[in-house]
Every structure is written in structure tokens, then in C-alpha cells.
C-alpha atoms as a PDB file:
ATOM      1  CA  MET A   1    -133.377  97.537  -4.070  1.00  0.00           C
ATOM      2  CA  LYS A   2    -132.528  95.158  -1.585  1.00  0.00           C
ATOM      3  CA  LEU A   3    -132.887  92.401  -3.808  1.00  0.00           C
ATOM      4  CA  VAL A   4    -130.795  94.472  -5.872  1.00  0.00           C
ATOM      5  CA  HIS A   5    -127.708  95.391  -3.873  1.00  0.00           C
ATOM      6  CA  GLU A   6    -128.047  91.476  -2.874  1.00  0.00           C
ATOM      7  CA  LEU A   7    -127.940  90.378  -5.973  1.00  0.00           C
ATOM      8  CA  GLU A   8    -124.899  93.199  -7.284  1.00  0.00           C
ATOM      9  CA  LEU A   9    -122.801  91.195  -4.262  1.00  0.00           C
ATOM     10  CA  SER A  10    -123.217  87.658  -5.397  1.00  0.00           C
ATOM     11  CA  PHE A  11    -122.625  89.075  -8.988  1.00  0.00           C
ATOM     12  CA  SER A  12    -119.492  90.126  -7.863  1.00  0.00           C
ATOM     13  CA  ALA A  13    -118.390  87.569  -5.636  1.00  0.00           C
ATOM     14  CA  SER A  14    -118.527  85.260  -9.373  1.00  0.00           C
ATOM     15  CA  CYS A  15    -118.681  87.606 -11.778  1.00  0.00           C
ATOM     16  CA  GLU A  16    -115.179  86.659 -12.867  1.00  0.00           C
ATOM     17  CA  ARG A  17    -114.069  83.141 -13.744  1.00  0.00           C
ATOM     18  CA  ASN A  18    -110.984  82.074 -16.040  1.00  0.00           C
ATOM     19  CA  ASP A  19    -113.357  80.793 -18.357  1.00  0.00           C
ATOM     20  CA  PHE A  20    -117.004  82.696 -17.816  1.00  0.00           C
ATOM     21  CA  ARG A  21    -117.360  86.517 -17.205  1.00  0.00           C
ATOM     22  CA  LEU A  22    -121.021  88.367 -16.803  1.00  0.00           C
ATOM     23  CA  VAL A  23    -120.425  91.882 -18.379  1.00  0.00           C
ATOM     24  CA  HIS A  24    -123.733  92.841 -18.308  1.00  0.00           C
ATOM     25  CA  TYR A  25    -127.066  92.849 -16.770  1.00  0.00           C
ATOM     26  CA  SER A  26    -130.217  94.545 -15.982  1.00  0.00           C
ATOM     27  CA  ILE A  27    -132.608  92.955 -13.402  1.00  0.00           C
ATOM     28  CA  GLN A  28    -136.819  93.152 -14.058  1.00  0.00           C
ATOM     29  CA  GLY A  29    -139.533  92.341 -12.017  1.00  0.00           C
ATOM     30  CA  ASN A  30    -139.488  88.297 -12.701  1.00  0.00           C
ATOM     31  CA  HIS A  31    -136.082  87.753 -15.200  1.00  0.00           C
ATOM     32  CA  ALA A  32    -132.733  89.407 -15.908  1.00  0.00           C
ATOM     33  CA  HIS A  33    -130.898  90.439 -18.891  1.00  0.00           C
ATOM     34  CA  LEU A  34    -127.280  88.607 -18.496  1.00  0.00           C
ATOM     35  CA  ILE A  35    -124.528  89.519 -21.222  1.00  0.00           C
ATOM     36  CA  VAL A  36    -121.538  86.910 -20.896  1.00  0.00           C
ATOM     37  CA  GLU A  37    -118.720  85.919 -22.034  1.00  0.00           C
ATOM     38  CA  ALA A  38    -117.601  82.259 -21.810  1.00  0.00           C
ATOM     39  CA  ASP A  39    -114.895  80.676 -23.919  1.00  0.00           C
ATOM     40  CA  ASN A  40    -116.649  77.541 -24.569  1.00  0.00           C
ATOM     41  CA  GLU A  41    -120.040  75.681 -24.892  1.00  0.00           C
ATOM     42  CA  ASN A  42    -118.990  73.862 -21.356  1.00  0.00           C
ATOM     43  CA  ALA A  43    -117.742  77.178 -19.436  1.00  0.00           C
ATOM     44  CA  LEU A  44    -121.105  78.767 -20.273  1.00  0.00           C
ATOM     45  CA  GLY A  45    -123.075  76.134 -18.895  1.00  0.00           C
ATOM     46  CA  ARG A  46    -120.820  76.071 -16.048  1.00  0.00           C
ATOM     47  CA  GLY A  47    -121.145  79.628 -15.589  1.00  0.00           C
ATOM     48  CA  MET A  48    -124.951  80.162 -16.187  1.00  0.00           C
ATOM     49  CA  LYS A  49    -125.346  77.702 -13.883  1.00  0.00           C
ATOM     50  CA  ALA A  50    -123.387  79.069 -11.260  1.00  0.00           C
ATOM     51  CA  LEU A  51    -125.160  82.468 -11.594  1.00  0.00           C
ATOM     52  CA  GLY A  52    -128.462  80.771 -11.421  1.00  0.00           C
ATOM     53  CA  ALA A  53    -127.373  79.128  -7.720  1.00  0.00           C
ATOM     54  CA  ARG A  54    -125.799  82.581  -6.601  1.00  0.00           C
ATOM     55  CA  LEU A  55    -129.215  83.993  -7.754  1.00  0.00           C
ATOM     56  CA  ALA A  56    -131.709  82.121  -6.140  1.00  0.00           C
ATOM     57  CA  ARG A  57    -129.761  81.832  -3.105  1.00  0.00           C
ATOM     58  CA  ALA A  58    -130.058  85.881  -2.976  1.00  0.00           C
ATOM     59  CA  VAL A  59    -133.605  85.672  -3.648  1.00  0.00           C
ATOM     60  CA  ASN A  60    -134.290  82.985  -0.895  1.00  0.00           C
ATOM     61  CA  ARG A  61    -132.281  85.171   1.791  1.00  0.00           C
ATOM     62  CA  ILE A  62    -133.895  88.570   1.135  1.00  0.00           C
ATOM     63  CA  PHE A  63    -137.237  86.932   1.054  1.00  0.00           C
ATOM     64  CA  ARG A  64    -136.825  84.630   3.636  1.00  0.00           C
ATOM     65  CA  ARG A  65    -137.723  81.574   2.068  1.00  0.00           C
ATOM     66  CA  ALA A  66    -135.992  78.214   0.524  1.00  0.00           C
ATOM     67  CA  GLY A  67    -136.899  76.115  -2.819  1.00  0.00           C
ATOM     68  CA  PRO A  68    -136.314  76.744  -6.260  1.00  0.00           C
ATOM     69  CA  VAL A  69    -136.264  79.964  -7.942  1.00  0.00           C
ATOM     70  CA  LEU A  70    -135.487  79.671 -11.321  1.00  0.00           C
ATOM     71  CA  VAL A  71    -138.243  78.130 -13.703  1.00  0.00           C
ATOM     72  CA  ASP A  72    -136.526  78.482 -16.969  1.00  0.00           C
ATOM     73  CA  ARG A  73    -133.520  77.618 -18.629  1.00  0.00           C
ATOM     74  CA  TYR A  74    -132.172  80.677 -20.456  1.00  0.00           C
ATOM     75  CA  HIS A  75    -132.364  81.730 -23.899  1.00  0.00           C
ATOM     76  CA  LEU A  76    -128.690  81.476 -25.642  1.00  0.00           C
ATOM     77  CA  HIS A  77    -128.370  84.141 -28.340  1.00  0.00           C
ATOM     78  CA  VAL A  78    -124.668  84.537 -29.681  1.00  0.00           C
ATOM     79  CA  LEU A  79    -123.215  87.885 -30.759  1.00  0.00           C
ATOM     80  CA  ARG A  80    -121.337  87.925 -33.899  1.00  0.00           C
ATOM     81  CA  THR A  81    -121.314  91.558 -34.865  1.00  0.00           C
ATOM     82  CA  PRO A  82    -119.968  94.826 -33.150  1.00  0.00           C
ATOM     83  CA  ARG A  83    -123.871  96.112 -34.301  1.00  0.00           C
ATOM     84  CA  GLU A  84    -125.112  92.961 -32.486  1.00  0.00           C
ATOM     85  CA  VAL A  85    -123.329  93.631 -28.977  1.00  0.00           C
ATOM     86  CA  ARG A  86    -124.490  97.286 -29.480  1.00  0.00           C
ATOM     87  CA  HIS A  87    -128.056  96.629 -30.080  1.00  0.00           C
ATOM     88  CA  ALA A  88    -127.966  93.764 -27.113  1.00  0.00           C
ATOM     89  CA  LEU A  89    -126.360  96.349 -24.332  1.00  0.00           C
ATOM     90  CA  ALA A  90    -129.295  98.789 -25.602  1.00  0.00           C
ATOM     91  CA  TYR A  91    -131.494  96.482 -25.115  1.00  0.00           C
ATOM     92  CA  VAL A  92    -129.988  95.159 -21.389  1.00  0.00           C
ATOM     93  CA  LEU A  93    -128.768  98.406 -20.017  1.00  0.00           C
ATOM     94  CA  LEU A  94    -132.220 100.495 -21.284  1.00  0.00           C
ATOM     95  CA  ASN A  95    -134.309  97.662 -20.691  1.00  0.00           C
ATOM     96  CA  ALA A  96    -136.354  99.807 -17.813  1.00  0.00           C
ATOM     97  CA  ARG A  97    -136.958 102.152 -20.243  1.00  0.00           C
ATOM     98  CA  LYS A  98    -138.778  99.991 -22.508  1.00  0.00           C
ATOM     99  CA  HIS A  99    -140.897  98.118 -19.650  1.00  0.00           C
ATOM    100  CA  ALA A 100    -141.989 101.832 -18.237  1.00  0.00           C
ATOM    101  CA  ALA A 101    -143.453 102.691 -21.545  1.00  0.00           C
ATOM    102  CA  ARG A 102    -145.298 100.157 -22.047  1.00  0.00           C
ATOM    103  CA  ALA A 103    -147.029 100.505 -18.992  1.00  0.00           C
ATOM    104  CA  GLY A 104    -147.408 103.920 -19.937  1.00  0.00           C
ATOM    105  CA  ARG A 105    -145.623 105.272 -17.078  1.00  0.00           C
ATOM    106  CA  ALA A 106    -141.986 107.736 -17.906  1.00  0.00           C
ATOM    107  CA  LEU A 107    -139.380 106.828 -15.383  1.00  0.00           C
ATOM    108  CA  SER A 108    -137.834 109.445 -13.054  1.00  0.00           C
ATOM    109  CA  ARG A 109    -135.639 111.535 -14.402  1.00  0.00           C
ATOM    110  CA  ALA A 110    -133.573 111.787 -11.449  1.00  0.00           C
ATOM    111  CA  LEU A 111    -132.442 108.444 -12.251  1.00  0.00           C
ATOM    112  CA  ALA A 112    -129.777 108.806 -14.655  1.00  0.00           C
ATOM    113  CA  ILE A 113    -129.376 104.919 -15.251  1.00  0.00           C
ATOM    114  CA  ASP A 114    -131.199 102.113 -14.270  1.00  0.00           C
ATOM    115  CA  PRO A 115    -130.387 101.051 -10.629  1.00  0.00           C
ATOM    116  CA  ALA A 116    -131.249  97.364 -11.803  1.00  0.00           C
ATOM    117  CA  SER A 117    -129.158  97.171 -14.023  1.00  0.00           C
ATOM    118  CA  SER A 118    -125.072  97.227 -14.671  1.00  0.00           C
ATOM    119  CA  GLY A 119    -125.870 100.762 -16.558  1.00  0.00           C
ATOM    120  CA  ARG A 120    -123.260 102.585 -13.854  1.00  0.00           C
ATOM    121  CA  TRP A 121    -119.842 100.461 -15.059  1.00  0.00           C
ATOM    122  CA  PHE A 122    -121.039 100.684 -18.877  1.00  0.00           C
ATOM    123  CA  GLU A 123    -118.036 103.366 -20.416  1.00  0.00           C
ATOM    124  CA  GLY A 124    -119.450 103.492 -23.893  1.00  0.00           C
ATOM    125  CA  TRP A 125    -122.531 105.842 -22.799  1.00  0.00           C
ATOM    126  CA  ARG A 126    -122.955 108.654 -25.572  1.00  0.00           C
ATOM    127  CA  ARG A 127    -122.525 111.475 -22.052  1.00  0.00           C
ATOM    128  CA  PRO A 128    -120.360 110.462 -18.808  1.00  0.00           C
ATOM    129  CA  VAL A 129    -122.381 108.964 -16.000  1.00  0.00           C
ATOM    130  CA  ALA A 130    -122.772 111.688 -13.185  1.00  0.00           C
ATOM    131  CA  GLY A 131    -122.924 110.341  -9.443  1.00  0.00           C
ATOM    132  CA  PRO A 132    -121.072 107.911  -7.611  1.00  0.00           C
ATOM    133  CA  VAL A 133    -120.130 104.251  -8.570  1.00  0.00           C
ATOM    134  CA  PRO A 134    -121.391 101.734  -5.344  1.00  0.00           C
ATOM    135  CA  ALA A 135    -117.861 101.151  -3.313  1.00  0.00           C
ATOM    136  CA  ASP A 136    -118.158  97.709  -2.501  1.00  0.00           C
ATOM    137  CA  GLY A 137    -117.098  95.790  -5.313  1.00  0.00           C
ATOM    138  CA  THR A 138    -118.083  95.286  -9.073  1.00  0.00           C
ATOM    139  CA  PRO A 139    -120.586  93.023  -9.609  1.00  0.00           C
ATOM    140  CA  VAL A 140    -119.525  93.057 -13.974  1.00  0.00           C
ATOM    141  CA  ALA A 141    -116.271  91.862 -15.128  1.00  0.00           C
ATOM    142  CA  LEU A 142    -114.343  93.762 -17.627  1.00  0.00           C
ATOM    143  CA  PRO A 143    -114.636  91.843 -21.254  1.00  0.00           C
ATOM    144  CA  ARG A 144    -112.128  90.157 -22.731  1.00  0.00           C
ATOM    145  CA  SER A 145    -113.646  90.000 -26.061  1.00  0.00           C
ATOM    146  CA  TRP A 146    -112.880  92.595 -29.165  1.00  0.00           C
ATOM    147  CA  LEU A 147    -116.166  93.299 -30.146  1.00  0.00           C
ATOM    148  CA  LEU A 148    -117.428  94.068 -26.221  1.00  0.00           C
ATOM    149  CA  ARG A 149    -114.328  96.495 -25.539  1.00  0.00           C
ATOM    150  CA  VAL A 150    -113.856  97.619 -28.567  1.00  0.00           C
ATOM    151  CA  GLY A 151    -116.027  97.041 -31.425  1.00  0.00           C
ATOM    152  CA  CYS A 152    -118.977  98.002 -30.296  1.00  0.00           C
ATOM    153  CA  LYS A 153    -118.045 101.293 -28.931  1.00  0.00           C
ATOM    154  CA  ARG A 154    -117.302 102.944 -32.164  1.00  0.00           C
ATOM    155  CA  ARG A 155    -120.828 104.844 -32.107  1.00  0.00           C
ATOM    156  CA  PRO A 156    -121.517 105.411 -28.425  1.00  0.00           C
ATOM    157  CA  LEU A 157    -125.473 104.700 -26.694  1.00  0.00           C
ATOM    158  CA  GLU A 158    -127.413 107.028 -25.181  1.00  0.00           C
ATOM    159  CA  ARG A 159    -129.425 106.951 -21.948  1.00  0.00           C
ATOM    160  CA  ARG A 160    -132.490 107.483 -21.697  1.00  0.00           C
ATOM    161  CA  TRP A 161    -133.435 111.426 -21.679  1.00  0.00           C
ATOM    162  CA  ASP A 162    -130.960 111.561 -24.469  1.00  0.00           C
ATOM    163  CA  PRO A 163    -132.336 111.321 -28.222  1.00  0.00           C
ATOM    164  CA  PRO A 164    -133.738 107.950 -28.582  1.00  0.00           C
ATOM    165  CA  LEU A 165    -132.198 105.251 -29.957  1.00  0.00           C
ATOM    166  CA  ASN A 166    -132.855 103.988 -33.652  1.00  0.00           C
ATOM    167  CA  ARG A 167    -135.099 100.401 -32.882  1.00  0.00           C
ATOM    168  CA  CYS A 168    -132.445  98.811 -31.836  1.00  0.00           C
ATOM    169  CA  VAL A 169    -134.482  96.545 -29.418  1.00  0.00           C
ATOM    170  CA  ALA A 170    -135.559  93.397 -29.916  1.00  0.00           C
ATOM    171  CA  ALA A 171    -138.583  91.206 -29.036  1.00  0.00           C
ATOM    172  CA  GLU A 172    -138.087  89.734 -25.569  1.00  0.00           C
END
């Protein structure tokens, strides 16, 4: 959890730029899923490079090491419809549930939201999130696009203890 906290501090310092915004994330053991908004391809490239550098510095700080952290570039998929955005949000925010099921274990019911994701800041859950939201800055920016502000929320997402989602997760 110390790594997640450090990454969230880094994200909060850089989640919103004029032309690039980190809107949602999920941190996994060896990769991260991000939903970002960018005004154009150049803004996307610069924003992802900045996020990658911050991520590497945070990981190196926590593990008291130096050197590169990221071995691959990012996989880009442009989201074009409310349904695609909703599926991407479900995939990112509910990713821990999928990984736990794949490993043959259940997630603790005490965790209403994956603590290594931006689910605590997501306002589109079917049931409101209980519990405090950390006060040391928001690691995600408010979305500006209609798709992320309005379109994807026409049908709320269910959390892991609600009825399962309709097969809306894509392959990694």
C-alpha cells in the first residue's frame, strides 16, 4: 500500500495539465491501467511520458533503487462511444476482482473499492461509496469530455459485491 500511496501522490501532482488529464487508474502487480483524456496525439505522448517518469521515480523511491522501471510502451485504445467508455471503466475499476478470480481467490468484502484504483473518486457507482476519501489530494482529474462526464453514467457500474457485470471486460 505504500507504493500505491506514493503513486497517488505523484499522480495528484500531475493528473491535470491543460491538454492532458489522468481520469482513472488501476495499479496491478506488474502493470497499470489508465484512462486519460488528451487534446491531441502530441498532448497524449507528452502526458504519458510525464506519467511514466513520475511512476518510475515513485517506484525507485519506494524500493530504494535507480534505473528504468517501465519496459514497454503503453497500449492505446481510443474510446468512441458511451458503451466503450463504460466497459473501459468497468475493466479498469474492477480489474482487481478479475485478477483475484483468475488466481482462484475472493477479494475481502471489507474492501468496497479496490484500494489500488481510482474507484474511490468515481461517482458513477450504482451504490454510493462509503468511507472517507483521502484528503491529501486527488490523484485523478475531473473529466472534460462528454463521454466520461455524462455518456458513460447513463447506466451506473456495479461494484464487486453487486450482481456481476454483463461480460464487459476486455482481454489484456
